[in-house]
């Protein structure tokens, strides 16, 4: 996971946009909405969820 790639995009987002939902991840048949702020926290802390978020953002070509 290349955190710098994510941070470059995140740093250029307006503050209000960071609060918006960027993707939805389904875990255990529960859909969780992920904002840019949540993505930042999870990716920065290198959690399992952060890895999933990062991979999905790459797949969607958002980062």
PDB file of N, CA and C in Angstrom:
ATOM      1  N   UNK A   1       0.857  -1.176   0.000  1.00  0.00           N
ATOM      2  CA  UNK A   1       0.000   0.000   0.000  1.00  0.00           C
ATOM      3  C   UNK A   1       0.899   1.234   0.000  1.00  0.00           C
ATOM      4  N   UNK A   2       0.675   2.112  -0.951  1.00  0.00           N
ATOM      5  CA  UNK A   2       1.458   3.327  -1.101  1.00  0.00           C
ATOM      6  C   UNK A   2       0.681   4.500  -0.503  1.00  0.00           C
ATOM      7  N   UNK A   3       0.901   4.755   0.794  1.00  0.00           N
ATOM      8  CA  UNK A   3       0.160   5.809   1.480  1.00  0.00           C
ATOM      9  C   UNK A   3       0.376   7.171   0.833  1.00  0.00           C
ATOM     10  N   UNK A   4       1.556   7.410   0.298  1.00  0.00           N
ATOM     11  CA  UNK A   4       1.852   8.698  -0.323  1.00  0.00           C
ATOM     12  C   UNK A   4       0.896   8.978  -1.476  1.00  0.00           C
ATOM     13  N   UNK A   5       0.542   7.937  -2.190  1.00  0.00           N
ATOM     14  CA  UNK A   5      -0.389   8.067  -3.318  1.00  0.00           C
ATOM     15  C   UNK A   5      -1.746   8.573  -2.827  1.00  0.00           C
ATOM     16  N   UNK A   6      -2.224   8.000  -1.726  1.00  0.00           N
ATOM     17  CA  UNK A   6      -3.495   8.425  -1.140  1.00  0.00           C
ATOM     18  C   UNK A   6      -3.378   9.835  -0.575  1.00  0.00           C
ATOM     19  N   UNK A   7      -2.313  10.098   0.178  1.00  0.00           N
ATOM     20  CA  UNK A   7      -2.148  11.389   0.839  1.00  0.00           C
ATOM     21  C   UNK A   7      -2.067  12.541  -0.154  1.00  0.00           C
ATOM     22  N   UNK A   8      -1.490  12.294  -1.316  1.00  0.00           N
ATOM     23  CA  UNK A   8      -1.399  13.331  -2.354  1.00  0.00           C
ATOM     24  C   UNK A   8      -2.802  13.760  -2.796  1.00  0.00           C
ATOM     25  N   UNK A   9      -3.685  12.796  -2.995  1.00  0.00           N
ATOM     26  CA  UNK A   9      -5.060  13.105  -3.397  1.00  0.00           C
ATOM     27  C   UNK A   9      -5.810  13.743  -2.232  1.00  0.00           C
ATOM     28  N   UNK A  10      -5.705  13.141  -1.061  1.00  0.00           N
ATOM     29  CA  UNK A  10      -6.424  13.625   0.131  1.00  0.00           C
ATOM     30  C   UNK A  10      -6.050  15.071   0.454  1.00  0.00           C
ATOM     31  N   UNK A  11      -4.782  15.400   0.382  1.00  0.00           N
ATOM     32  CA  UNK A  11      -4.310  16.746   0.723  1.00  0.00           C
ATOM     33  C   UNK A  11      -4.882  17.812  -0.206  1.00  0.00           C
ATOM     34  N   UNK A  12      -5.228  17.432  -1.419  1.00  0.00           N
ATOM     35  CA  UNK A  12      -5.755  18.392  -2.385  1.00  0.00           C
ATOM     36  C   UNK A  12      -7.277  18.492  -2.392  1.00  0.00           C
ATOM     37  N   UNK A  13      -7.934  17.715  -1.531  1.00  0.00           N
ATOM     38  CA  UNK A  13      -9.395  17.776  -1.459  1.00  0.00           C
ATOM     39  C   UNK A  13      -9.831  18.941  -0.578  1.00  0.00           C
ATOM     40  N   UNK A  14     -10.872  19.665  -0.993  1.00  0.00           N
ATOM     41  CA  UNK A  14     -11.431  20.692  -0.113  1.00  0.00           C
ATOM     42  C   UNK A  14     -11.974  20.042   1.171  1.00  0.00           C
ATOM     43  N   UNK A  15     -11.952  20.772   2.268  1.00  0.00           N
ATOM     44  CA  UNK A  15     -12.368  20.241   3.568  1.00  0.00           C
ATOM     45  C   UNK A  15     -13.774  19.650   3.514  1.00  0.00           C
ATOM     46  N   UNK A  16     -14.713  20.328   2.885  1.00  0.00           N
ATOM     47  CA  UNK A  16     -16.097  19.842   2.814  1.00  0.00           C
ATOM     48  C   UNK A  16     -16.204  18.527   2.047  1.00  0.00           C
ATOM     49  N   UNK A  17     -15.396  18.341   1.033  1.00  0.00           N
ATOM     50  CA  UNK A  17     -15.431  17.112   0.231  1.00  0.00           C
ATOM     51  C   UNK A  17     -14.943  15.927   1.073  1.00  0.00           C
ATOM     52  N   UNK A  18     -14.017  16.162   1.976  1.00  0.00           N
ATOM     53  CA  UNK A  18     -13.477  15.094   2.819  1.00  0.00           C
ATOM     54  C   UNK A  18     -14.538  14.444   3.690  1.00  0.00           C
ATOM     55  N   UNK A  19     -15.635  15.157   3.944  1.00  0.00           N
ATOM     56  CA  UNK A  19     -16.723  14.630   4.767  1.00  0.00           C
ATOM     57  C   UNK A  19     -17.689  13.763   3.963  1.00  0.00           C
ATOM     58  N   UNK A  20     -17.604  13.816   2.649  1.00  0.00           N
ATOM     59  CA  UNK A  20     -18.539  13.096   1.792  1.00  0.00           C
ATOM     60  C   UNK A  20     -18.155  11.627   1.630  1.00  0.00           C
ATOM     61  N   UNK A  21     -19.155  10.821   1.347  1.00  0.00           N
ATOM     62  CA  UNK A  21     -18.942   9.390   1.127  1.00  0.00           C
ATOM     63  C   UNK A  21     -18.202   9.196  -0.192  1.00  0.00           C
ATOM     64  N   UNK A  22     -17.142   8.385  -0.135  1.00  0.00           N
ATOM     65  CA  UNK A  22     -16.357   8.121  -1.336  1.00  0.00           C
ATOM     66  C   UNK A  22     -16.609   6.703  -1.849  1.00  0.00           C
ATOM     67  N   UNK A  23     -16.930   5.777  -0.940  1.00  0.00           N
ATOM     68  CA  UNK A  23     -17.245   4.407  -1.360  1.00  0.00           C
ATOM     69  C   UNK A  23     -17.998   3.666  -0.275  1.00  0.00           C
ATOM     70  N   UNK A  24     -18.529   2.507  -0.638  1.00  0.00           N
ATOM     71  CA  UNK A  24     -19.259   1.649   0.289  1.00  0.00           C
ATOM     72  C   UNK A  24     -18.558   0.301   0.310  1.00  0.00           C
ATOM     73  N   UNK A  25     -18.302  -0.187   1.518  1.00  0.00           N
ATOM     74  CA  UNK A  25     -17.663  -1.498   1.676  1.00  0.00           C
ATOM     75  C   UNK A  25     -18.609  -2.386   2.458  1.00  0.00           C
ATOM     76  N   UNK A  26     -18.801  -3.604   1.936  1.00  0.00           N
ATOM     77  CA  UNK A  26     -19.680  -4.549   2.602  1.00  0.00           C
ATOM     78  C   UNK A  26     -18.850  -5.553   3.385  1.00  0.00           C
ATOM     79  N   UNK A  27     -19.147  -5.656   4.676  1.00  0.00           N
ATOM     80  CA  UNK A  27     -18.498  -6.632   5.551  1.00  0.00           C
ATOM     81  C   UNK A  27     -19.582  -7.342   6.350  1.00  0.00           C
ATOM     82  N   UNK A  28     -19.546  -8.648   6.342  1.00  0.00           N
ATOM     83  CA  UNK A  28     -20.512  -9.456   7.091  1.00  0.00           C
ATOM     84  C   UNK A  28     -21.950  -9.055   6.771  1.00  0.00           C
ATOM     85  N   UNK A  29     -22.230  -8.872   5.490  1.00  0.00           N
ATOM     86  CA  UNK A  29     -23.554  -8.491   4.995  1.00  0.00           C
ATOM     87  C   UNK A  29     -24.039  -7.150   5.526  1.00  0.00           C
ATOM     88  N   UNK A  30     -23.109  -6.302   5.966  1.00  0.00           N
ATOM     89  CA  UNK A  30     -23.438  -4.954   6.420  1.00  0.00           C
ATOM     90  C   UNK A  30     -22.677  -3.973   5.535  1.00  0.00           C
ATOM     91  N   UNK A  31     -23.415  -3.027   4.961  1.00  0.00           N
ATOM     92  CA  UNK A  31     -22.789  -2.029   4.095  1.00  0.00           C
ATOM     93  C   UNK A  31     -22.349  -0.836   4.941  1.00  0.00           C
ATOM     94  N   UNK A  32     -21.075  -0.494   4.833  1.00  0.00           N
ATOM     95  CA  UNK A  32     -20.511   0.627   5.566  1.00  0.00           C
ATOM     96  C   UNK A  32     -20.105   1.716   4.585  1.00  0.00           C
ATOM     97  N   UNK A  33     -20.564   2.942   4.831  1.00  0.00           N
ATOM     98  CA  UNK A  33     -20.156   4.056   3.992  1.00  0.00           C
ATOM     99  C   UNK A  33     -18.820   4.589   4.503  1.00  0.00           C
ATOM    100  N   UNK A  34     -17.950   4.919   3.586  1.00  0.00           N
ATOM    101  CA  UNK A  34     -16.608   5.375   3.912  1.00  0.00           C
ATOM    102  C   UNK A  34     -16.415   6.783   3.334  1.00  0.00           C
ATOM    103  N   UNK A  35     -16.153   7.735   4.213  1.00  0.00           N
ATOM    104  CA  UNK A  35     -15.840   9.092   3.764  1.00  0.00           C
ATOM    105  C   UNK A  35     -14.337   9.191   3.545  1.00  0.00           C
ATOM    106  N   UNK A  36     -13.914  10.292   2.941  1.00  0.00           N
ATOM    107  CA  UNK A  36     -12.481  10.502   2.761  1.00  0.00           C
ATOM    108  C   UNK A  36     -11.782  10.565   4.116  1.00  0.00           C
ATOM    109  N   UNK A  37     -12.454  11.167   5.125  1.00  0.00           N
ATOM    110  CA  UNK A  37     -11.853  11.258   6.465  1.00  0.00           C
ATOM    111  C   UNK A  37     -11.661   9.882   7.092  1.00  0.00           C
ATOM    112  N   UNK A  38     -12.652   9.018   6.968  1.00  0.00           N
ATOM    113  CA  UNK A  38     -12.542   7.652   7.497  1.00  0.00           C
ATOM    114  C   UNK A  38     -11.429   6.914   6.754  1.00  0.00           C
ATOM    115  N   UNK A  39     -11.396   7.085   5.436  1.00  0.00           N
ATOM    116  CA  UNK A  39     -10.349   6.442   4.636  1.00  0.00           C
ATOM    117  C   UNK A  39      -8.974   6.892   5.118  1.00  0.00           C
ATOM    118  N   UNK A  40      -8.830   8.178   5.393  1.00  0.00           N
ATOM    119  CA  UNK A  40      -7.551   8.706   5.869  1.00  0.00           C
ATOM    120  C   UNK A  40      -7.130   8.031   7.173  1.00  0.00           C
ATOM    121  N   UNK A  41      -8.029   7.961   8.119  1.00  0.00           N
ATOM    122  CA  UNK A  41      -7.714   7.358   9.427  1.00  0.00           C
ATOM    123  C   UNK A  41      -7.323   5.897   9.271  1.00  0.00           C
ATOM    124  N   UNK A  42      -8.101   5.147   8.510  1.00  0.00           N
ATOM    125  CA  UNK A  42      -7.836   3.710   8.349  1.00  0.00           C
ATOM    126  C   UNK A  42      -6.538   3.458   7.581  1.00  0.00           C
ATOM    127  N   UNK A  43      -6.299   4.210   6.527  1.00  0.00           N
ATOM    128  CA  UNK A  43      -5.083   4.019   5.730  1.00  0.00           C
ATOM    129  C   UNK A  43      -3.855   4.464   6.526  1.00  0.00           C
ATOM    130  N   UNK A  44      -3.969   5.576   7.217  1.00  0.00           N
ATOM    131  CA  UNK A  44      -2.846   6.089   8.010  1.00  0.00           C
ATOM    132  C   UNK A  44      -2.444   5.110   9.113  1.00  0.00           C
ATOM    133  N   UNK A  45      -3.428   4.427   9.710  1.00  0.00           N
ATOM    134  CA  UNK A  45      -3.157   3.466  10.783  1.00  0.00           C
ATOM    135  C   UNK A  45      -2.859   2.061  10.257  1.00  0.00           C
ATOM    136  N   UNK A  46      -2.868   1.916   8.939  1.00  0.00           N
ATOM    137  CA  UNK A  46      -2.543   0.646   8.277  1.00  0.00           C
ATOM    138  C   UNK A  46      -3.363  -0.536   8.800  1.00  0.00           C
ATOM    139  N   UNK A  47      -4.677  -0.311   8.927  1.00  0.00           N
ATOM    140  CA  UNK A  47      -5.573  -1.371   9.378  1.00  0.00           C
ATOM    141  C   UNK A  47      -5.956  -2.274   8.204  1.00  0.00           C
ATOM    142  N   UNK A  48      -6.568  -3.390   8.523  1.00  0.00           N
ATOM    143  CA  UNK A  48      -7.061  -4.300   7.480  1.00  0.00           C
ATOM    144  C   UNK A  48      -8.111  -3.576   6.645  1.00  0.00           C
ATOM    145  N   UNK A  49      -8.985  -2.848   7.313  1.00  0.00           N
ATOM    146  CA  UNK A  49      -9.998  -2.078   6.589  1.00  0.00           C
ATOM    147  C   UNK A  49      -9.330  -1.017   5.714  1.00  0.00           C
ATOM    148  N   UNK A  50      -8.276  -0.411   6.211  1.00  0.00           N
ATOM    149  CA  UNK A  50      -7.539   0.576   5.437  1.00  0.00           C
ATOM    150  C   UNK A  50      -6.987  -0.006   4.155  1.00  0.00           C
ATOM    151  N   UNK A  51      -6.492  -1.217   4.222  1.00  0.00           N
ATOM    152  CA  UNK A  51      -5.986  -1.915   3.029  1.00  0.00           C
ATOM    153  C   UNK A  51      -7.109  -2.131   2.017  1.00  0.00           C
ATOM    154  N   UNK A  52      -8.281  -2.560   2.514  1.00  0.00           N
ATOM    155  CA  UNK A  52      -9.432  -2.770   1.627  1.00  0.00           C
ATOM    156  C   UNK A  52      -9.853  -1.457   0.975  1.00  0.00           C
ATOM    157  N   UNK A  53      -9.891  -0.395   1.773  1.00  0.00           N
ATOM    158  CA  UNK A  53     -10.277   0.915   1.258  1.00  0.00           C
ATOM    159  C   UNK A  53      -9.287   1.359   0.191  1.00  0.00           C
ATOM    160  N   UNK A  54      -8.007   1.249   0.489  1.00  0.00           N
ATOM    161  CA  UNK A  54      -6.972   1.661  -0.455  1.00  0.00           C
ATOM    162  C   UNK A  54      -7.109   0.891  -1.765  1.00  0.00           C
ATOM    163  N   UNK A  55      -7.243  -0.423  -1.668  1.00  0.00           N
ATOM    164  CA  UNK A  55      -7.361  -1.248  -2.875  1.00  0.00           C
ATOM    165  C   UNK A  55      -8.572  -0.865  -3.709  1.00  0.00           C
ATOM    166  N   UNK A  56      -9.695  -0.577  -3.033  1.00  0.00           N
ATOM    167  CA  UNK A  56     -10.901  -0.221  -3.759  1.00  0.00           C
ATOM    168  C   UNK A  56     -10.761   1.161  -4.412  1.00  0.00           C
ATOM    169  N   UNK A  57     -10.113   2.098  -3.730  1.00  0.00           N
ATOM    170  CA  UNK A  57      -9.892   3.423  -4.313  1.00  0.00           C
ATOM    171  C   UNK A  57      -8.998   3.329  -5.552  1.00  0.00           C
ATOM    172  N   UNK A  58      -8.009   2.455  -5.505  1.00  0.00           N
ATOM    173  CA  UNK A  58      -7.134   2.240  -6.671  1.00  0.00           C
ATOM    174  C   UNK A  58      -7.932   1.613  -7.804  1.00  0.00           C
ATOM    175  N   UNK A  59      -8.727   0.599  -7.472  1.00  0.00           N
ATOM    176  CA  UNK A  59      -9.530  -0.093  -8.488  1.00  0.00           C
ATOM    177  C   UNK A  59     -10.501   0.869  -9.177  1.00  0.00           C
ATOM    178  N   UNK A  60     -11.054   1.798  -8.394  1.00  0.00           N
ATOM    179  CA  UNK A  60     -11.998   2.779  -8.946  1.00  0.00           C
ATOM    180  C   UNK A  60     -11.271   3.954  -9.606  1.00  0.00           C
ATOM    181  N   UNK A  61      -9.955   3.925  -9.581  1.00  0.00           N
ATOM    182  CA  UNK A  61      -9.099   4.963 -10.161  1.00  0.00           C
ATOM    183  C   UNK A  61      -9.355   6.339  -9.542  1.00  0.00           C
ATOM    184  N   UNK A  62      -9.642   6.339  -8.239  1.00  0.00           N
ATOM    185  CA  UNK A  62      -9.809   7.597  -7.522  1.00  0.00           C
ATOM    186  C   UNK A  62      -8.479   8.101  -6.968  1.00  0.00           C
ATOM    187  N   UNK A  63      -7.534   7.168  -6.830  1.00  0.00           N
ATOM    188  CA  UNK A  63      -6.182   7.560  -6.425  1.00  0.00           C
ATOM    189  C   UNK A  63      -5.191   6.877  -7.340  1.00  0.00           C
TER     190      UNK A  63
END
